[in-house]
Amino acid sequence: MLLALDIGNSRIKWGIFDGQTPKGRGYFSTEQFRDSEDDLSVFELNGSGGESPTQITPVNAGNSKELPMLLGSVSKLALCSVAGKSIEDGLLAHLYSIGLAPSIHIWRVISSRQDCGVINRYDHPERLGADRWAALIAARAWAQSPLVVVMAGTASTVDALKTDGHFLGGTILPGIRLMPKSLYERTAGIKEGEGSWAEFPTNTADAVTSGVLAATAGAIAGMIHNLQQIQHEPVQLLLSGGNSPLLLPRLSALGFAPHYERDLVLQGIALMSAASEE
């Protein structure tokens, strides 16, 4: 079986796959594998304080006790990392200590010009984030139609995928938890607080939260409009990432019908790993 790892800035998601069938999944906090000499600033924003202003908690969070029981059946490890080598090294050391075979083959996601039916039109394809590339691969397998693929995590990415598999490009903006930090840290009159969405906010906490959600939803709506203009057919909206549940009602209110897929990057890793063996 395959152990797939999505090593992100806030969380490390793992999944055990038998072919394309998931057998177990969970996550670690990335911070626990950070070397003491590393820059901690990003983790002050994205660490243990939750993923969003309203504390979204993923279903089956953690599952840390399940992983050691599954590692004995793992014959291949495939990973996608955007968090740096020290995090990867610390994670692998932990996995070896709880039962992963040290001799196991490690396969890494590397963005390329073309893979699994997706054509990468980035100016420099190898510079596209590996997690975005894996998500696009999984999205293409999910539906061969015009797609806007949103990854709502530490950062929010909004990518456009044509019916023929061409990835046109996309936008990156601060994530829903990261975005208000600039206001809290740079504006004397705005204090950190947990707000809620409101059409017409009447307090500062709600105003900040509503502004962040409106800005993110607006970026997504704009990308859908842009893709619709060149495809002339309905565009589907696919969301993944821990902050997606906050965006779903906002996008629905704008008239969209978003589909939420929990582990899009892990699915893409599994697909690309299988294709590499063909």
C-alpha atoms as a PDB file:
ATOM      1  CA  MET A   1       0.000   0.000   0.000  1.00  0.00           C
ATOM      2  CA  LEU A   2       0.940   3.640  -0.437  1.00  0.00           C
ATOM      3  CA  LEU A   3       1.530   6.234   2.260  1.00  0.00           C
ATOM      4  CA  ALA A   4       0.807   9.681   0.789  1.00  0.00           C
ATOM      5  CA  LEU A   5       1.996  12.794   2.659  1.00  0.00           C
ATOM      6  CA  ASP A   6       0.895  16.378   2.027  1.00  0.00           C
ATOM      7  CA  ILE A   7       3.428  18.430   4.019  1.00  0.00           C
ATOM      8  CA  GLY A   8       1.950  21.898   4.365  1.00  0.00           C
ATOM      9  CA  ASN A   9       2.845  25.007   6.339  1.00  0.00           C
ATOM     10  CA  SER A  10       0.266  24.387   9.067  1.00  0.00           C
ATOM     11  CA  ARG A  11      -0.554  20.690   8.835  1.00  0.00           C
ATOM     12  CA  ILE A  12       0.872  17.468   7.488  1.00  0.00           C
ATOM     13  CA  LYS A  13      -1.936  15.371   6.056  1.00  0.00           C
ATOM     14  CA  TRP A  14      -1.392  11.659   5.581  1.00  0.00           C
ATOM     15  CA  GLY A  15      -3.360   8.993   3.767  1.00  0.00           C
ATOM     16  CA  ILE A  16      -2.924   5.254   3.272  1.00  0.00           C
ATOM     17  CA  PHE A  17      -4.095   4.099  -0.167  1.00  0.00           C
ATOM     18  CA  ASP A  18      -4.689   0.663  -1.624  1.00  0.00           C
ATOM     19  CA  GLY A  19      -4.602   1.685  -5.266  1.00  0.00           C
ATOM     20  CA  GLN A  20      -6.916   4.703  -5.290  1.00  0.00           C
ATOM     21  CA  THR A  21      -8.948   3.478  -2.304  1.00  0.00           C
ATOM     22  CA  PRO A  22      -8.190   5.303   0.962  1.00  0.00           C
ATOM     23  CA  LYS A  23      -7.701   2.988   3.945  1.00  0.00           C
ATOM     24  CA  GLY A  24      -6.870   5.573   6.598  1.00  0.00           C
ATOM     25  CA  ARG A  25      -6.100   9.267   6.938  1.00  0.00           C
ATOM     26  CA  GLY A  26      -5.261  11.918   9.485  1.00  0.00           C
ATOM     27  CA  TYR A  27      -2.842  14.741  10.188  1.00  0.00           C
ATOM     28  CA  PHE A  28      -0.015  16.094  12.305  1.00  0.00           C
ATOM     29  CA  SER A  29       0.692  19.684  13.252  1.00  0.00           C
ATOM     30  CA  THR A  30       3.638  20.832  11.136  1.00  0.00           C
ATOM     31  CA  GLU A  31       5.021  22.825  14.058  1.00  0.00           C
ATOM     32  CA  GLN A  32       5.948  19.717  16.030  1.00  0.00           C
ATOM     33  CA  PHE A  33       8.558  18.841  13.396  1.00  0.00           C
ATOM     34  CA  ARG A  34      10.079  22.300  13.113  1.00  0.00           C
ATOM     35  CA  ASP A  35      13.734  22.606  14.060  1.00  0.00           C
ATOM     36  CA  SER A  36      14.430  25.083  16.858  1.00  0.00           C
ATOM     37  CA  GLU A  37      16.718  27.078  14.534  1.00  0.00           C
ATOM     38  CA  ASP A  38      14.013  27.582  11.906  1.00  0.00           C
ATOM     39  CA  ASP A  39      12.068  30.812  11.529  1.00  0.00           C
ATOM     40  CA  LEU A  40       8.947  30.446  13.667  1.00  0.00           C
ATOM     41  CA  SER A  41       7.098  33.508  12.368  1.00  0.00           C
ATOM     42  CA  VAL A  42       4.817  31.635   9.979  1.00  0.00           C
ATOM     43  CA  PHE A  43       3.854  29.218  12.730  1.00  0.00           C
ATOM     44  CA  GLU A  44       2.898  32.058  15.057  1.00  0.00           C
ATOM     45  CA  LEU A  45       0.225  32.735  12.434  1.00  0.00           C
ATOM     46  CA  ASN A  46      -0.644  29.185  11.493  1.00  0.00           C
ATOM     47  CA  GLY A  47       0.149  26.906  14.401  1.00  0.00           C
ATOM     48  CA  SER A  48      -1.989  25.696  17.250  1.00  0.00           C
ATOM     49  CA  GLY A  49      -4.518  28.506  17.191  1.00  0.00           C
ATOM     50  CA  GLY A  50      -6.781  26.876  14.593  1.00  0.00           C
ATOM     51  CA  GLU A  51      -7.261  27.394  10.885  1.00  0.00           C
ATOM     52  CA  SER A  52      -9.876  30.104  10.775  1.00  0.00           C
ATOM     53  CA  PRO A  53     -11.614  32.812  12.791  1.00  0.00           C
ATOM     54  CA  THR A  54     -14.423  30.408  13.670  1.00  0.00           C
ATOM     55  CA  GLN A  55     -12.328  27.364  14.556  1.00  0.00           C
ATOM     56  CA  ILE A  56     -13.206  24.810  11.874  1.00  0.00           C
ATOM     57  CA  THR A  57     -12.310  21.314  13.120  1.00  0.00           C
ATOM     58  CA  PRO A  58     -11.824  18.656  10.415  1.00  0.00           C
ATOM     59  CA  VAL A  59     -13.730  15.388  10.659  1.00  0.00           C
ATOM     60  CA  ASN A  60     -11.662  12.580  12.238  1.00  0.00           C
ATOM     61  CA  ALA A  61      -8.928  15.058  13.159  1.00  0.00           C
ATOM     62  CA  GLY A  62      -5.621  13.471  14.001  1.00  0.00           C
ATOM     63  CA  ASN A  63      -6.060   9.678  13.964  1.00  0.00           C
ATOM     64  CA  SER A  64      -2.504   9.525  15.315  1.00  0.00           C
ATOM     65  CA  LYS A  65      -3.085   6.125  16.949  1.00  0.00           C
ATOM     66  CA  GLU A  66      -4.229   4.576  13.678  1.00  0.00           C
ATOM     67  CA  LEU A  67      -1.104   5.324  11.640  1.00  0.00           C
ATOM     68  CA  PRO A  68       1.416   3.017  13.428  1.00  0.00           C
ATOM     69  CA  MET A  69      -0.950   0.087  12.915  1.00  0.00           C
ATOM     70  CA  LEU A  70      -1.051   0.745   9.162  1.00  0.00           C
ATOM     71  CA  LEU A  71       2.622   1.456   8.510  1.00  0.00           C
ATOM     72  CA  GLY A  72       3.580  -2.216   8.402  1.00  0.00           C
ATOM     73  CA  SER A  73       1.594  -2.676   5.200  1.00  0.00           C
ATOM     74  CA  VAL A  74       3.136   0.335   3.428  1.00  0.00           C
ATOM     75  CA  SER A  75       5.430  -0.529   0.505  1.00  0.00           C
ATOM     76  CA  LYS A  76       5.810   2.942  -1.024  1.00  0.00           C
ATOM     77  CA  LEU A  77       5.936   6.495   0.272  1.00  0.00           C
ATOM     78  CA  ALA A  78       4.900   9.443  -1.914  1.00  0.00           C
ATOM     79  CA  LEU A  79       5.090  12.983  -0.618  1.00  0.00           C
ATOM     80  CA  CYS A  80       4.362  16.550  -1.596  1.00  0.00           C
ATOM     81  CA  SER A  81       6.103  19.199   0.497  1.00  0.00           C
ATOM     82  CA  VAL A  82       5.982  22.994   0.627  1.00  0.00           C
ATOM     83  CA  ALA A  83       7.261  23.300   4.209  1.00  0.00           C
ATOM     84  CA  GLY A  84      11.015  22.828   3.783  1.00  0.00           C
ATOM     85  CA  LYS A  85      13.595  20.084   4.199  1.00  0.00           C
ATOM     86  CA  SER A  86      13.942  20.291   7.985  1.00  0.00           C
ATOM     87  CA  ILE A  87      10.227  19.602   8.420  1.00  0.00           C
ATOM     88  CA  GLU A  88      10.430  16.681   6.002  1.00  0.00           C
ATOM     89  CA  ASP A  89      13.452  15.229   7.775  1.00  0.00           C
ATOM     90  CA  GLY A  90      11.815  15.508  11.185  1.00  0.00           C
ATOM     91  CA  LEU A  91       8.626  13.893   9.942  1.00  0.00           C
ATOM     92  CA  LEU A  92      10.451  10.991   8.304  1.00  0.00           C
ATOM     93  CA  ALA A  93      12.473  10.374  11.463  1.00  0.00           C
ATOM     94  CA  HIS A  94       9.217  10.172  13.412  1.00  0.00           C
ATOM     95  CA  LEU A  95       7.619   7.810  10.897  1.00  0.00           C
ATOM     96  CA  TYR A  96      10.645   5.507  11.000  1.00  0.00           C
ATOM     97  CA  SER A  97      10.445   5.480  14.796  1.00  0.00           C
ATOM     98  CA  ILE A  98       6.808   4.299  14.758  1.00  0.00           C
ATOM     99  CA  GLY A  99       7.137   1.524  12.199  1.00  0.00           C
ATOM    100  CA  LEU A 100       7.848   2.791   8.680  1.00  0.00           C
ATOM    101  CA  ALA A 101      10.582   0.723   7.013  1.00  0.00           C
ATOM    102  CA  PRO A 102      13.763   2.877   6.716  1.00  0.00           C
ATOM    103  CA  SER A 103      14.528   1.249   3.352  1.00  0.00           C
ATOM    104  CA  ILE A 104      11.206   2.284   1.810  1.00  0.00           C
ATOM    105  CA  HIS A 105      11.317   4.024  -1.581  1.00  0.00           C
ATOM    106  CA  ILE A 106      10.373   7.711  -1.405  1.00  0.00           C
ATOM    107  CA  TRP A 107       8.720   9.354  -4.428  1.00  0.00           C
ATOM    108  CA  ARG A 108       8.272  13.144  -4.496  1.00  0.00           C
ATOM    109  CA  VAL A 109       5.767  15.245  -6.399  1.00  0.00           C
ATOM    110  CA  ILE A 110       7.559  17.617  -8.769  1.00  0.00           C
ATOM    111  CA  SER A 111       5.588  20.027 -10.922  1.00  0.00           C
ATOM    112  CA  SER A 112       6.148  19.459 -14.634  1.00  0.00           C
ATOM    113  CA  ARG A 113       4.894  20.563 -18.025  1.00  0.00           C
ATOM    114  CA  GLN A 114       2.402  17.687 -18.290  1.00  0.00           C
ATOM    115  CA  ASP A 115       1.172  14.784 -16.164  1.00  0.00           C
ATOM    116  CA  CYS A 116      -1.980  12.662 -15.851  1.00  0.00           C
ATOM    117  CA  GLY A 117      -3.803  14.612 -18.568  1.00  0.00           C
ATOM    118  CA  VAL A 118      -3.047  18.080 -17.162  1.00  0.00           C
ATOM    119  CA  ILE A 119      -0.949  20.534 -19.193  1.00  0.00           C
ATOM    120  CA  ASN A 120       0.842  23.136 -17.087  1.00  0.00           C
ATOM    121  CA  ARG A 121       0.915  26.592 -18.703  1.00  0.00           C
ATOM    122  CA  TYR A 122       2.857  28.237 -15.893  1.00  0.00           C
ATOM    123  CA  ASP A 123       5.746  30.334 -17.264  1.00  0.00           C
ATOM    124  CA  HIS A 124       8.138  28.051 -15.386  1.00  0.00           C
ATOM    125  CA  PRO A 125       6.191  24.824 -14.726  1.00  0.00           C
ATOM    126  CA  GLU A 126       8.680  23.531 -12.176  1.00  0.00           C
ATOM    127  CA  ARG A 127       8.027  26.597  -9.984  1.00  0.00           C
ATOM    128  CA  LEU A 128       4.348  25.820  -9.511  1.00  0.00           C
ATOM    129  CA  GLY A 129       3.716  24.706  -5.939  1.00  0.00           C
ATOM    130  CA  ALA A 130       3.755  20.920  -5.762  1.00  0.00           C
ATOM    131  CA  ASP A 131       0.554  20.919  -3.704  1.00  0.00           C
ATOM    132  CA  ARG A 132      -1.278  22.987  -6.337  1.00  0.00           C
ATOM    133  CA  TRP A 133      -0.052  20.615  -9.057  1.00  0.00           C
ATOM    134  CA  ALA A 134      -1.250  17.542  -7.134  1.00  0.00           C
ATOM    135  CA  ALA A 135      -4.636  19.202  -6.511  1.00  0.00           C
ATOM    136  CA  LEU A 136      -5.017  19.955 -10.219  1.00  0.00           C
ATOM    137  CA  ILE A 137      -4.210  16.332 -11.110  1.00  0.00           C
ATOM    138  CA  ALA A 138      -6.912  15.123  -8.712  1.00  0.00           C
ATOM    139  CA  ALA A 139      -9.372  17.732  -9.975  1.00  0.00           C
ATOM    140  CA  ARG A 140      -8.879  16.577 -13.564  1.00  0.00           C
ATOM    141  CA  ALA A 141      -9.662  13.001 -12.517  1.00  0.00           C
ATOM    142  CA  TRP A 142     -12.754  14.204 -10.654  1.00  0.00           C
ATOM    143  CA  ALA A 143     -14.339  15.986 -13.642  1.00  0.00           C
ATOM    144  CA  GLN A 144     -13.211  16.640 -17.200  1.00  0.00           C
ATOM    145  CA  SER A 145     -14.989  19.968 -17.504  1.00  0.00           C
ATOM    146  CA  PRO A 146     -14.042  23.599 -16.867  1.00  0.00           C
ATOM    147  CA  LEU A 147     -12.965  23.774 -13.242  1.00  0.00           C
ATOM    148  CA  VAL A 148     -11.939  26.404 -10.741  1.00  0.00           C
ATOM    149  CA  VAL A 149      -9.908  24.607  -8.079  1.00  0.00           C
ATOM    150  CA  VAL A 150      -9.622  26.329  -4.697  1.00  0.00           C
ATOM    151  CA  MET A 151      -7.209  25.267  -1.978  1.00  0.00           C
ATOM    152  CA  ALA A 152      -8.221  27.126   1.185  1.00  0.00           C
ATOM    153  CA  GLY A 153      -5.426  26.629   3.692  1.00  0.00           C
ATOM    154  CA  THR A 154      -2.616  28.784   5.079  1.00  0.00           C
ATOM    155  CA  ALA A 155      -2.811  30.529   1.717  1.00  0.00           C
ATOM    156  CA  SER A 156      -5.797  30.442  -0.608  1.00  0.00           C
ATOM    157  CA  THR A 157      -5.078  29.453  -4.208  1.00  0.00           C
ATOM    158  CA  VAL A 158      -7.631  29.815  -7.000  1.00  0.00           C
ATOM    159  CA  ASP A 159      -6.698  27.933 -10.180  1.00  0.00           C
ATOM    160  CA  ALA A 160      -8.365  27.601 -13.587  1.00  0.00           C
ATOM    161  CA  LEU A 161      -8.451  24.288 -15.460  1.00  0.00           C
ATOM    162  CA  LYS A 162      -9.926  24.017 -18.949  1.00  0.00           C
ATOM    163  CA  THR A 163     -11.983  21.117 -20.279  1.00  0.00           C
ATOM    164  CA  ASP A 164      -9.013  19.915 -22.348  1.00  0.00           C
ATOM    165  CA  GLY A 165      -6.810  19.705 -19.246  1.00  0.00           C
ATOM    166  CA  HIS A 166      -4.879  22.954 -19.741  1.00  0.00           C
ATOM    167  CA  PHE A 167      -4.069  24.657 -16.450  1.00  0.00           C
ATOM    168  CA  LEU A 168      -4.294  28.326 -17.386  1.00  0.00           C
ATOM    169  CA  GLY A 169      -2.919  29.789 -14.166  1.00  0.00           C
ATOM    170  CA  GLY A 170      -4.300  31.042 -10.905  1.00  0.00           C
ATOM    171  CA  THR A 171      -4.117  33.486  -8.041  1.00  0.00           C
ATOM    172  CA  ILE A 172      -2.679  33.272  -4.532  1.00  0.00           C
ATOM    173  CA  LEU A 173      -3.956  35.310  -1.597  1.00  0.00           C
ATOM    174  CA  PRO A 174      -3.494  35.120   2.176  1.00  0.00           C
ATOM    175  CA  GLY A 175      -5.594  32.441   3.816  1.00  0.00           C
ATOM    176  CA  ILE A 176      -8.697  33.198   5.832  1.00  0.00           C
ATOM    177  CA  ARG A 177      -6.791  33.022   9.115  1.00  0.00           C
ATOM    178  CA  LEU A 178      -3.653  34.702   7.799  1.00  0.00           C
ATOM    179  CA  MET A 179      -5.376  37.674   6.149  1.00  0.00           C
ATOM    180  CA  PRO A 180      -6.765  39.363   9.290  1.00  0.00           C
ATOM    181  CA  LYS A 181      -3.365  39.137  11.007  1.00  0.00           C
ATOM    182  CA  SER A 182      -2.139  42.074   8.928  1.00  0.00           C
ATOM    183  CA  LEU A 183      -4.968  44.169  10.354  1.00  0.00           C
ATOM    184  CA  TYR A 184      -4.424  43.012  13.926  1.00  0.00           C
ATOM    185  CA  GLU A 185      -0.683  43.665  13.743  1.00  0.00           C
ATOM    186  CA  ARG A 186      -0.600  46.880  11.674  1.00  0.00           C
ATOM    187  CA  THR A 187      -3.763  48.741  12.734  1.00  0.00           C
ATOM    188  CA  ALA A 188      -3.890  50.187  16.248  1.00  0.00           C
ATOM    189  CA  GLY A 189      -7.673  50.404  16.417  1.00  0.00           C
ATOM    190  CA  ILE A 190      -8.398  46.782  15.430  1.00  0.00           C
ATOM    191  CA  LYS A 191      -7.927  44.084  18.051  1.00  0.00           C
ATOM    192  CA  GLU A 192      -7.894  40.348  17.442  1.00  0.00           C
ATOM    193  CA  GLY A 193     -11.257  38.733  18.022  1.00  0.00           C
ATOM    194  CA  GLU A 194     -13.493  35.993  16.718  1.00  0.00           C
ATOM    195  CA  GLY A 195     -16.111  37.429  14.382  1.00  0.00           C
ATOM    196  CA  SER A 196     -18.936  36.061  12.285  1.00  0.00           C
ATOM    197  CA  TRP A 197     -20.208  36.703   8.800  1.00  0.00           C
ATOM    198  CA  ALA A 198     -22.757  39.499   8.427  1.00  0.00           C
ATOM    199  CA  GLU A 199     -24.173  41.161   5.355  1.00  0.00           C
ATOM    200  CA  PHE A 200     -23.894  44.527   7.151  1.00  0.00           C
ATOM    201  CA  PRO A 201     -21.420  44.087  10.034  1.00  0.00           C
ATOM    202  CA  THR A 202     -22.033  46.285  13.066  1.00  0.00           C
ATOM    203  CA  ASN A 203     -18.921  45.484  15.113  1.00  0.00           C
ATOM    204  CA  THR A 204     -15.226  45.327  14.285  1.00  0.00           C
ATOM    205  CA  ALA A 205     -14.740  41.573  14.736  1.00  0.00           C
ATOM    206  CA  ASP A 206     -17.622  40.820  12.364  1.00  0.00           C
ATOM    207  CA  ALA A 207     -16.380  43.482   9.945  1.00  0.00           C
ATOM    208  CA  VAL A 208     -12.939  41.860   9.721  1.00  0.00           C
ATOM    209  CA  THR A 209     -14.274  38.316   9.318  1.00  0.00           C
ATOM    210  CA  SER A 210     -16.881  39.410   6.778  1.00  0.00           C
ATOM    211  CA  GLY A 211     -14.268  41.366   4.820  1.00  0.00           C
ATOM    212  CA  VAL A 212     -11.898  38.407   4.678  1.00  0.00           C
ATOM    213  CA  LEU A 213     -14.633  36.028   3.500  1.00  0.00           C
ATOM    214  CA  ALA A 214     -15.978  38.546   0.983  1.00  0.00           C
ATOM    215  CA  ALA A 215     -12.492  39.162  -0.454  1.00  0.00           C
ATOM    216  CA  THR A 216     -11.773  35.448  -0.829  1.00  0.00           C
ATOM    217  CA  ALA A 217     -15.185  34.656  -2.300  1.00  0.00           C
ATOM    218  CA  GLY A 218     -14.789  37.606  -4.665  1.00  0.00           C
ATOM    219  CA  ALA A 219     -11.446  36.293  -5.949  1.00  0.00           C
ATOM    220  CA  ILE A 220     -13.071  32.919  -6.610  1.00  0.00           C
ATOM    221  CA  ALA A 221     -16.071  34.492  -8.339  1.00  0.00           C
ATOM    222  CA  GLY A 222     -13.735  36.517 -10.533  1.00  0.00           C
ATOM    223  CA  MET A 223     -11.815  33.428 -11.644  1.00  0.00           C
ATOM    224  CA  ILE A 224     -15.057  31.593 -12.431  1.00  0.00           C
ATOM    225  CA  HIS A 225     -16.142  34.553 -14.560  1.00  0.00           C
ATOM    226  CA  ASN A 226     -12.802  34.654 -16.402  1.00  0.00           C
ATOM    227  CA  LEU A 227     -12.889  30.924 -17.183  1.00  0.00           C
ATOM    228  CA  GLN A 228     -16.544  31.098 -18.228  1.00  0.00           C
ATOM    229  CA  GLN A 229     -15.658  33.802 -20.760  1.00  0.00           C
ATOM    230  CA  ILE A 230     -13.308  31.497 -22.698  1.00  0.00           C
ATOM    231  CA  GLN A 231     -15.018  28.133 -22.181  1.00  0.00           C
ATOM    232  CA  HIS A 232     -18.636  29.066 -22.967  1.00  0.00           C
ATOM    233  CA  GLU A 233     -19.921  26.210 -20.808  1.00  0.00           C
ATOM    234  CA  PRO A 234     -20.756  25.811 -17.121  1.00  0.00           C
ATOM    235  CA  VAL A 235     -17.746  26.044 -14.817  1.00  0.00           C
ATOM    236  CA  GLN A 236     -17.623  23.711 -11.826  1.00  0.00           C
ATOM    237  CA  LEU A 237     -16.147  24.850  -8.518  1.00  0.00           C
ATOM    238  CA  LEU A 238     -14.055  22.436  -6.469  1.00  0.00           C
ATOM    239  CA  LEU A 239     -12.871  23.317  -2.945  1.00  0.00           C
ATOM    240  CA  SER A 240     -10.392  21.663  -0.618  1.00  0.00           C
ATOM    241  CA  GLY A 241      -8.461  22.733   2.469  1.00  0.00           C
ATOM    242  CA  GLY A 242      -9.361  23.349   6.095  1.00  0.00           C
ATOM    243  CA  ASN A 243     -11.033  26.718   5.541  1.00  0.00           C
ATOM    244  CA  SER A 244     -13.385  25.476   2.819  1.00  0.00           C
ATOM    245  CA  PRO A 245     -16.378  25.064   5.167  1.00  0.00           C
ATOM    246  CA  LEU A 246     -16.277  28.805   5.859  1.00  0.00           C
ATOM    247  CA  LEU A 247     -16.344  29.611   2.159  1.00  0.00           C
ATOM    248  CA  LEU A 248     -19.094  27.186   1.151  1.00  0.00           C
ATOM    249  CA  PRO A 249     -22.063  29.243   2.423  1.00  0.00           C
ATOM    250  CA  ARG A 250     -20.623  32.481   1.042  1.00  0.00           C
ATOM    251  CA  LEU A 251     -20.154  30.991  -2.416  1.00  0.00           C
ATOM    252  CA  SER A 252     -23.594  29.401  -2.334  1.00  0.00           C
ATOM    253  CA  ALA A 253     -25.060  32.804  -1.467  1.00  0.00           C
ATOM    254  CA  LEU A 254     -23.416  34.182  -4.611  1.00  0.00           C
ATOM    255  CA  GLY A 255     -25.229  31.582  -6.698  1.00  0.00           C
ATOM    256  CA  PHE A 256     -22.453  29.032  -7.125  1.00  0.00           C
ATOM    257  CA  ALA A 257     -22.707  25.298  -6.416  1.00  0.00           C
ATOM    258  CA  PRO A 258     -19.315  24.446  -4.878  1.00  0.00           C
ATOM    259  CA  HIS A 259     -18.223  20.852  -4.292  1.00  0.00           C
ATOM    260  CA  TYR A 260     -16.017  20.160  -1.266  1.00  0.00           C
ATOM    261  CA  GLU A 261     -13.385  17.437  -1.485  1.00  0.00           C
ATOM    262  CA  ARG A 262     -11.486  16.929   1.748  1.00  0.00           C
ATOM    263  CA  ASP A 263      -8.163  15.416   0.645  1.00  0.00           C
ATOM    264  CA  LEU A 264      -7.625  16.658  -2.900  1.00  0.00           C
ATOM    265  CA  VAL A 265      -3.831  16.882  -2.642  1.00  0.00           C
ATOM    266  CA  LEU A 266      -3.533  13.369  -1.192  1.00  0.00           C
ATOM    267  CA  GLN A 267      -5.699  12.046  -4.023  1.00  0.00           C
ATOM    268  CA  GLY A 268      -3.460  13.755  -6.554  1.00  0.00           C
ATOM    269  CA  ILE A 269      -0.330  12.336  -4.932  1.00  0.00           C
ATOM    270  CA  ALA A 270      -1.773   8.823  -5.162  1.00  0.00           C
ATOM    271  CA  LEU A 271      -2.721   9.307  -8.825  1.00  0.00           C
ATOM    272  CA  MET A 272       0.685  10.680  -9.809  1.00  0.00           C
ATOM    273  CA  SER A 273       2.540   7.996  -7.869  1.00  0.00           C
ATOM    274  CA  ALA A 274       0.577   5.265  -9.656  1.00  0.00           C
ATOM    275  CA  ALA A 275       1.188   6.888 -13.041  1.00  0.00           C
ATOM    276  CA  SER A 276       4.937   7.053 -12.370  1.00  0.00           C
ATOM    277  CA  GLU A 277       5.019   3.247 -12.218  1.00  0.00           C
ATOM    278  CA  GLU A 278       3.326   2.729 -15.599  1.00  0.00           C
END
